[in-house]
Amino acid sequence: MIIRDSVKKDDIKNIKEIVESTGYFNKEEIDIAIELVEDKLNNSKSTYQFKFLEIENKVIAYSCFGLIPCSKISYDLYWIVVHNNFRGKGYGKYLIKETENFIKNIGGYQIIVETSSKEQYKPTRDFYIKSGYKELVVYKDFYDYRDNKIVYYKIL
């Protein structure tokens, strides 16, 4: 098992496969996940950063994060996704710790993460809480009617 931070052209395909495997995300969300890695590949000034978790040369999980614009200490965790075939085996926990340690080591103070209140995202919300994230705010009817945006944070 290795963690890689460099982005490769194959990661477009890898991320698409990982995100689609979960069954959580709609087409627009999948397109955004792919767009972020494409931005990193094609734009030397991109602020998106990645961690890829590989087992036997296969990417099974990734995180995407970055310094929040105009902040010197706060980072957004945009994505952390484990391929459905590898969920429940501790890979997400390992990857979030690696991501947090990296952010802390480059001067990050806190991480902000957002997710939906839809029932399908309950395992995601539970994952953040188990990882030490605290609920910061809930934006009612943010994504759609009865689909709130829940914002969590963690002080590193």
Protein backbone atom coordinates (compact mmCIF):
# COMPACT_ATOMS: atom_id res chain seq x y z
CA MET A 1 0.00 0.00 0.00
CA ILE A 2 1.42 3.36 -1.00
CA ILE A 3 0.28 6.98 -0.93
CA ARG A 4 1.11 9.09 -3.96
CA ASP A 5 0.61 12.86 -4.34
CA SER A 6 1.66 13.33 -7.94
CA VAL A 7 -1.16 13.34 -10.48
CA LYS A 8 -0.96 11.13 -13.56
CA LYS A 9 -3.04 11.19 -16.74
CA ASP A 10 -4.52 7.78 -15.76
CA ASP A 11 -5.97 9.40 -12.63
CA ILE A 12 -8.78 10.87 -14.73
CA LYS A 13 -9.96 7.31 -15.42
CA ASN A 14 -9.11 6.17 -11.86
CA ILE A 15 -11.15 8.92 -10.22
CA LYS A 16 -14.10 8.38 -12.54
CA GLU A 17 -14.12 4.66 -11.72
CA ILE A 18 -13.78 5.22 -7.96
CA VAL A 19 -16.49 7.87 -7.75
CA GLU A 20 -18.91 5.92 -9.98
CA SER A 21 -18.37 2.72 -7.96
CA THR A 22 -19.94 4.25 -4.85
CA GLY A 23 -23.36 4.79 -6.38
CA TYR A 24 -23.62 8.03 -4.34
CA PHE A 25 -22.88 10.68 -6.92
CA ASN A 26 -24.89 12.04 -9.82
CA LYS A 27 -23.40 12.82 -13.24
CA GLU A 28 -22.75 16.48 -12.37
CA GLU A 29 -20.82 15.51 -9.23
CA ILE A 30 -18.79 12.89 -11.13
CA ASP A 31 -17.96 15.49 -13.78
CA ILE A 32 -16.74 17.88 -11.05
CA ALA A 33 -14.48 15.18 -9.54
CA ILE A 34 -12.94 14.59 -12.96
CA GLU A 35 -12.68 18.32 -13.66
CA LEU A 36 -10.56 18.88 -10.53
CA VAL A 37 -7.95 16.31 -11.55
CA GLU A 38 -7.96 17.64 -15.12
CA ASP A 39 -7.37 21.14 -13.75
CA LYS A 40 -4.39 19.87 -11.78
CA LEU A 41 -2.97 18.12 -14.85
CA ASN A 42 -3.47 21.06 -17.21
CA ASN A 43 -2.85 24.08 -14.99
CA SER A 44 0.50 24.53 -13.29
CA LYS A 45 -1.09 27.11 -10.95
CA SER A 46 -3.88 24.81 -9.80
CA THR A 47 -4.28 24.84 -6.01
CA TYR A 48 -5.92 21.41 -5.88
CA GLN A 49 -3.83 18.80 -4.11
CA PHE A 50 -4.34 15.04 -4.17
CA LYS A 51 -3.44 11.91 -2.29
CA PHE A 52 -3.89 8.59 -4.08
CA LEU A 53 -3.96 5.31 -2.19
CA GLU A 54 -2.64 2.44 -4.29
CA ILE A 55 -2.59 -1.29 -3.69
CA GLU A 56 -0.60 -3.40 -6.15
CA ASN A 57 -0.41 -0.45 -8.59
CA LYS A 58 -4.20 0.07 -8.53
CA VAL A 59 -5.67 3.31 -7.22
CA ILE A 60 -8.41 2.34 -4.77
CA ALA A 61 -9.02 5.67 -3.02
CA TYR A 62 -8.15 9.33 -3.24
CA SER A 63 -8.54 12.66 -1.51
CA CYS A 64 -8.62 16.10 -3.05
CA PHE A 65 -8.05 19.18 -0.92
CA GLY A 66 -6.70 22.69 -1.01
CA LEU A 67 -6.06 25.89 0.88
CA ILE A 68 -9.27 27.91 1.06
CA PRO A 69 -8.86 31.07 -1.04
CA CYS A 70 -7.89 34.10 1.09
CA SER A 71 -7.07 31.86 4.08
CA LYS A 72 -3.59 31.19 5.37
CA ILE A 73 -4.48 28.28 7.66
CA SER A 74 -7.78 26.66 6.60
CA TYR A 75 -8.11 23.85 4.06
CA ASP A 76 -11.12 22.42 2.27
CA LEU A 77 -11.36 18.66 1.91
CA TYR A 78 -13.22 18.52 -1.39
CA TRP A 79 -13.27 14.76 -1.90
CA ILE A 80 -12.30 11.61 -0.09
CA VAL A 81 -13.58 8.51 -1.81
CA VAL A 82 -12.80 4.82 -1.50
CA HIS A 83 -13.71 2.44 -4.32
CA ASN A 84 -16.81 0.50 -3.32
CA ASN A 85 -14.96 -2.84 -3.52
CA PHE A 86 -12.55 -1.65 -0.80
CA ARG A 87 -14.92 0.15 1.59
CA GLY A 88 -15.12 -0.88 5.24
CA LYS A 89 -11.49 -2.05 5.40
CA GLY A 90 -9.91 1.01 7.02
CA TYR A 91 -8.53 2.56 3.83
CA GLY A 92 -10.60 5.72 4.22
CA LYS A 93 -9.41 6.13 7.81
CA TYR A 94 -5.81 5.67 6.69
CA LEU A 95 -6.19 8.12 3.81
CA ILE A 96 -7.84 10.85 5.87
CA LYS A 97 -5.05 10.60 8.47
CA GLU A 98 -2.41 10.88 5.72
CA THR A 99 -4.23 13.88 4.27
CA GLU A 100 -4.57 15.57 7.68
CA ASN A 101 -0.90 14.98 8.52
CA PHE A 102 0.17 16.42 5.19
CA ILE A 103 -1.98 19.53 5.68
CA LYS A 104 -0.70 19.99 9.23
CA ASN A 105 2.92 19.62 8.09
CA ILE A 106 2.52 22.40 5.52
CA GLY A 107 1.06 24.79 8.09
CA GLY A 108 -2.64 23.99 7.97
CA TYR A 109 -4.58 24.62 11.16
CA GLN A 110 -8.02 23.28 10.32
CA ILE A 111 -9.93 21.32 7.71
CA ILE A 112 -13.43 22.13 6.54
CA VAL A 113 -15.59 19.50 4.85
CA GLU A 114 -19.12 19.69 3.46
CA THR A 115 -21.65 16.98 2.74
CA SER A 116 -25.32 16.40 2.15
CA SER A 117 -27.97 15.57 4.72
CA LYS A 118 -29.51 12.95 2.42
CA GLU A 119 -29.86 9.52 4.01
CA GLN A 120 -27.45 7.98 1.48
CA TYR A 121 -24.70 10.21 2.95
CA LYS A 122 -25.19 9.01 6.54
CA PRO A 123 -22.13 6.70 6.30
CA THR A 124 -20.13 9.71 5.08
CA ARG A 125 -21.29 11.86 7.98
CA ASP A 126 -20.55 9.02 10.43
CA PHE A 127 -17.07 8.66 8.89
CA TYR A 128 -16.29 12.34 9.50
CA ILE A 129 -17.58 12.22 13.07
CA LYS A 130 -15.56 9.05 13.82
CA SER A 131 -12.53 10.83 12.33
CA GLY A 132 -12.87 13.65 14.87
CA TYR A 133 -14.76 16.23 12.81
CA LYS A 134 -17.35 18.40 14.54
CA GLU A 135 -20.51 19.81 13.00
CA LEU A 136 -20.07 23.53 12.41
CA VAL A 137 -23.21 24.64 10.59
CA VAL A 138 -26.21 23.34 8.66
CA TYR A 139 -27.54 25.23 5.66
CA LYS A 140 -31.21 24.26 5.29
CA ASP A 141 -32.49 23.31 1.83
CA PHE A 142 -29.10 24.12 0.30
CA TYR A 143 -28.70 21.50 -2.43
CA ASP A 144 -32.43 21.00 -2.90
CA TYR A 145 -35.58 21.03 -0.81
CA ARG A 146 -34.95 18.85 2.27
CA ASP A 147 -31.31 18.38 1.25
CA ASN A 148 -29.23 20.41 3.68
CA LYS A 149 -25.54 21.13 3.44
CA ILE A 150 -23.74 20.06 6.63
CA VAL A 151 -20.34 21.61 7.28
CA TYR A 152 -17.84 19.89 9.57
CA TYR A 153 -14.43 21.04 10.78
CA LYS A 154 -11.43 19.61 12.54
CA ILE A 155 -8.63 21.48 14.27
CA LEU A 156 -5.32 19.83 13.49
